[in-house]
Amino acid sequence: MKHCIQLACTLAEPGRVQIQLYNVTGQRVTELIDQNMTSGNYSLIWDAGSCPSGNYYLKILLSGHCEILKGIVKK
């Protein structure tokens, strides 16, 4: 788990969750989650081993709300 990024979150209410990963050019690399989830605590681990070093952006969509987080992969 040398090149992993962990994301922990708490969902206050159930809803559809989408987490998408983009590279610095805006190209979608992968979709980590796209499902309905119940309220509670969650942890997600993304293995970035196959991705080159650089900046990445996690786009988190939860029931119509959007948040962007930045992650850096350094090898």
N, C-alpha and C. Protein backbone atom coordinates (compact mmCIF):
# COMPACT_ATOMS: atom_id res chain seq x y z
N MET A 1 0.84 -1.18 0.00
CA MET A 1 0.00 0.00 0.00
C MET A 1 0.88 1.25 0.00
N LYS A 2 1.93 1.19 -0.79
CA LYS A 2 2.89 2.27 -0.84
C LYS A 2 2.33 3.53 -1.48
N HIS A 3 1.51 3.38 -2.50
CA HIS A 3 0.99 4.54 -3.24
C HIS A 3 -0.53 4.61 -3.10
N CYS A 4 -1.00 4.70 -1.87
CA CYS A 4 -2.43 4.73 -1.61
C CYS A 4 -2.84 6.06 -0.98
N ILE A 5 -4.04 6.47 -1.32
CA ILE A 5 -4.64 7.66 -0.72
C ILE A 5 -5.90 7.20 -0.01
N GLN A 6 -6.03 7.56 1.26
CA GLN A 6 -7.20 7.17 2.04
C GLN A 6 -8.11 8.37 2.24
N LEU A 7 -9.38 8.15 2.04
CA LEU A 7 -10.40 9.18 2.23
C LEU A 7 -11.42 8.66 3.23
N ALA A 8 -11.60 9.39 4.32
CA ALA A 8 -12.59 9.02 5.33
C ALA A 8 -13.69 10.08 5.35
N CYS A 9 -14.92 9.64 5.49
CA CYS A 9 -16.02 10.60 5.53
C CYS A 9 -17.17 10.04 6.36
N THR A 10 -18.05 10.94 6.76
CA THR A 10 -19.25 10.58 7.50
C THR A 10 -20.45 11.11 6.73
N LEU A 11 -21.38 10.24 6.44
CA LEU A 11 -22.62 10.65 5.78
C LEU A 11 -23.69 10.84 6.84
N ALA A 12 -24.20 12.05 6.95
CA ALA A 12 -25.22 12.36 7.94
C ALA A 12 -26.58 11.79 7.56
N GLU A 13 -26.80 11.64 6.25
CA GLU A 13 -28.07 11.10 5.78
C GLU A 13 -27.81 10.24 4.56
N PRO A 14 -28.68 9.29 4.30
CA PRO A 14 -28.47 8.42 3.14
C PRO A 14 -28.64 9.19 1.84
N GLY A 15 -28.01 8.69 0.79
CA GLY A 15 -28.13 9.32 -0.51
C GLY A 15 -27.17 8.71 -1.52
N ARG A 16 -27.27 9.19 -2.74
CA ARG A 16 -26.39 8.72 -3.80
C ARG A 16 -25.03 9.40 -3.66
N VAL A 17 -23.97 8.60 -3.70
CA VAL A 17 -22.61 9.09 -3.57
C VAL A 17 -21.84 8.73 -4.84
N GLN A 18 -21.18 9.75 -5.39
CA GLN A 18 -20.28 9.54 -6.53
C GLN A 18 -18.94 10.16 -6.19
N ILE A 19 -17.88 9.41 -6.38
CA ILE A 19 -16.53 9.93 -6.19
C ILE A 19 -15.75 9.61 -7.46
N GLN A 20 -15.33 10.66 -8.14
CA GLN A 20 -14.62 10.54 -9.41
C GLN A 20 -13.24 11.15 -9.27
N LEU A 21 -12.28 10.57 -9.96
CA LEU A 21 -10.90 11.02 -9.89
C LEU A 21 -10.49 11.60 -11.23
N TYR A 22 -9.92 12.81 -11.19
CA TYR A 22 -9.48 13.51 -12.41
C TYR A 22 -7.99 13.84 -12.31
N ASN A 23 -7.32 13.87 -13.46
CA ASN A 23 -5.94 14.33 -13.47
C ASN A 23 -5.91 15.84 -13.66
N VAL A 24 -4.72 16.40 -13.70
CA VAL A 24 -4.57 17.86 -13.72
C VAL A 24 -5.10 18.48 -15.02
N THR A 25 -5.24 17.69 -16.08
CA THR A 25 -5.77 18.22 -17.34
C THR A 25 -7.29 18.14 -17.41
N GLY A 26 -7.91 17.61 -16.34
CA GLY A 26 -9.36 17.52 -16.31
C GLY A 26 -9.91 16.23 -16.88
N GLN A 27 -9.04 15.30 -17.23
CA GLN A 27 -9.46 14.02 -17.77
C GLN A 27 -9.83 13.08 -16.63
N ARG A 28 -10.99 12.46 -16.73
CA ARG A 28 -11.41 11.53 -15.67
C ARG A 28 -10.55 10.28 -15.74
N VAL A 29 -9.95 9.93 -14.61
CA VAL A 29 -9.08 8.76 -14.52
C VAL A 29 -9.90 7.53 -14.17
N THR A 30 -10.78 7.67 -13.18
CA THR A 30 -11.62 6.55 -12.75
C THR A 30 -12.78 7.06 -11.91
N GLU A 31 -13.77 6.21 -11.75
CA GLU A 31 -14.87 6.50 -10.84
C GLU A 31 -14.74 5.51 -9.69
N LEU A 32 -14.50 6.03 -8.50
CA LEU A 32 -14.26 5.17 -7.35
C LEU A 32 -15.54 4.63 -6.73
N ILE A 33 -16.58 5.47 -6.72
CA ILE A 33 -17.88 5.06 -6.15
C ILE A 33 -18.99 5.71 -6.95
N ASP A 34 -20.04 4.95 -7.18
CA ASP A 34 -21.29 5.47 -7.74
C ASP A 34 -22.41 4.57 -7.25
N GLN A 35 -22.92 4.88 -6.05
CA GLN A 35 -23.96 4.03 -5.47
C GLN A 35 -24.72 4.77 -4.38
N ASN A 36 -25.87 4.24 -4.05
CA ASN A 36 -26.64 4.75 -2.91
C ASN A 36 -26.02 4.19 -1.64
N MET A 37 -25.86 5.06 -0.64
CA MET A 37 -25.23 4.65 0.61
C MET A 37 -26.08 5.12 1.78
N THR A 38 -26.06 4.35 2.85
CA THR A 38 -26.77 4.71 4.07
C THR A 38 -25.91 5.66 4.89
N SER A 39 -26.50 6.30 5.87
CA SER A 39 -25.73 7.19 6.75
C SER A 39 -24.74 6.36 7.56
N GLY A 40 -23.62 7.00 7.91
CA GLY A 40 -22.60 6.31 8.69
C GLY A 40 -21.21 6.76 8.33
N ASN A 41 -20.21 6.09 8.89
CA ASN A 41 -18.80 6.39 8.64
C ASN A 41 -18.25 5.46 7.57
N TYR A 42 -17.46 6.02 6.67
CA TYR A 42 -16.90 5.24 5.57
C TYR A 42 -15.43 5.59 5.39
N SER A 43 -14.70 4.64 4.85
CA SER A 43 -13.30 4.84 4.51
C SER A 43 -13.06 4.23 3.14
N LEU A 44 -12.38 4.97 2.29
CA LEU A 44 -12.10 4.53 0.93
C LEU A 44 -10.59 4.63 0.70
N ILE A 45 -10.02 3.60 0.12
CA ILE A 45 -8.60 3.61 -0.20
C ILE A 45 -8.45 3.50 -1.71
N TRP A 46 -7.74 4.47 -2.30
CA TRP A 46 -7.44 4.45 -3.73
C TRP A 46 -5.99 4.07 -3.91
N ASP A 47 -5.75 2.99 -4.64
CA ASP A 47 -4.40 2.54 -4.94
C ASP A 47 -3.93 3.26 -6.19
N ALA A 48 -3.02 4.21 -6.01
CA ALA A 48 -2.52 5.04 -7.11
C ALA A 48 -1.28 4.45 -7.77
N GLY A 49 -1.00 3.19 -7.50
CA GLY A 49 0.21 2.55 -8.01
C GLY A 49 0.36 2.57 -9.52
N SER A 50 -0.75 2.53 -10.25
CA SER A 50 -0.67 2.50 -11.72
C SER A 50 -0.71 3.90 -12.33
N CYS A 51 -0.85 4.93 -11.51
CA CYS A 51 -0.92 6.31 -12.01
C CYS A 51 0.43 7.00 -11.86
N PRO A 52 0.77 7.85 -12.81
CA PRO A 52 2.04 8.58 -12.70
C PRO A 52 1.98 9.64 -11.60
N SER A 53 3.14 10.08 -11.16
CA SER A 53 3.21 11.16 -10.18
C SER A 53 2.51 12.40 -10.70
N GLY A 54 1.91 13.15 -9.80
CA GLY A 54 1.24 14.39 -10.21
C GLY A 54 0.09 14.73 -9.30
N ASN A 55 -0.61 15.78 -9.67
CA ASN A 55 -1.78 16.25 -8.92
C ASN A 55 -3.03 15.57 -9.45
N TYR A 56 -3.91 15.21 -8.53
CA TYR A 56 -5.18 14.60 -8.88
C TYR A 56 -6.28 15.29 -8.08
N TYR A 57 -7.48 15.24 -8.61
CA TYR A 57 -8.62 15.88 -7.96
C TYR A 57 -9.73 14.87 -7.77
N LEU A 58 -10.24 14.79 -6.55
CA LEU A 58 -11.39 13.95 -6.24
C LEU A 58 -12.64 14.83 -6.28
N LYS A 59 -13.56 14.47 -7.11
CA LYS A 59 -14.84 15.16 -7.19
C LYS A 59 -15.85 14.31 -6.44
N ILE A 60 -16.37 14.86 -5.36
CA ILE A 60 -17.30 14.13 -4.51
C ILE A 60 -18.69 14.75 -4.66
N LEU A 61 -19.62 13.94 -5.13
CA LEU A 61 -21.01 14.37 -5.31
C LEU A 61 -21.88 13.59 -4.34
N LEU A 62 -22.65 14.31 -3.53
CA LEU A 62 -23.53 13.68 -2.56
C LEU A 62 -24.87 14.38 -2.61
N SER A 63 -25.85 13.70 -3.16
CA SER A 63 -27.22 14.20 -3.22
C SER A 63 -27.29 15.66 -3.70
N GLY A 64 -26.60 15.97 -4.78
CA GLY A 64 -26.65 17.29 -5.37
C GLY A 64 -25.59 18.26 -4.88
N HIS A 65 -24.85 17.92 -3.85
CA HIS A 65 -23.76 18.77 -3.36
C HIS A 65 -22.45 18.27 -3.94
N CYS A 66 -21.53 19.21 -4.22
CA CYS A 66 -20.27 18.86 -4.85
C CYS A 66 -19.11 19.45 -4.05
N GLU A 67 -18.05 18.65 -3.89
CA GLU A 67 -16.83 19.11 -3.25
C GLU A 67 -15.65 18.56 -4.03
N ILE A 68 -14.61 19.39 -4.17
CA ILE A 68 -13.40 18.98 -4.88
C ILE A 68 -12.24 18.96 -3.87
N LEU A 69 -11.53 17.82 -3.83
CA LEU A 69 -10.36 17.69 -2.98
C LEU A 69 -9.15 17.41 -3.86
N LYS A 70 -8.01 17.92 -3.45
CA LYS A 70 -6.78 17.73 -4.21
C LYS A 70 -5.91 16.68 -3.53
N GLY A 71 -5.35 15.78 -4.33
CA GLY A 71 -4.42 14.78 -3.83
C GLY A 71 -3.17 14.79 -4.68
N ILE A 72 -2.05 14.47 -4.08
CA ILE A 72 -0.77 14.45 -4.80
C ILE A 72 -0.20 13.05 -4.74
N VAL A 73 0.16 12.51 -5.90
CA VAL A 73 0.83 11.22 -5.98
C VAL A 73 2.29 11.51 -6.27
N LYS A 74 3.14 11.03 -5.38
CA LYS A 74 4.58 11.25 -5.53
C LYS A 74 5.27 9.91 -5.42
N LYS A 75 6.00 9.57 -6.47
CA LYS A 75 6.68 8.26 -6.50
C LYS A 75 8.18 8.46 -6.53
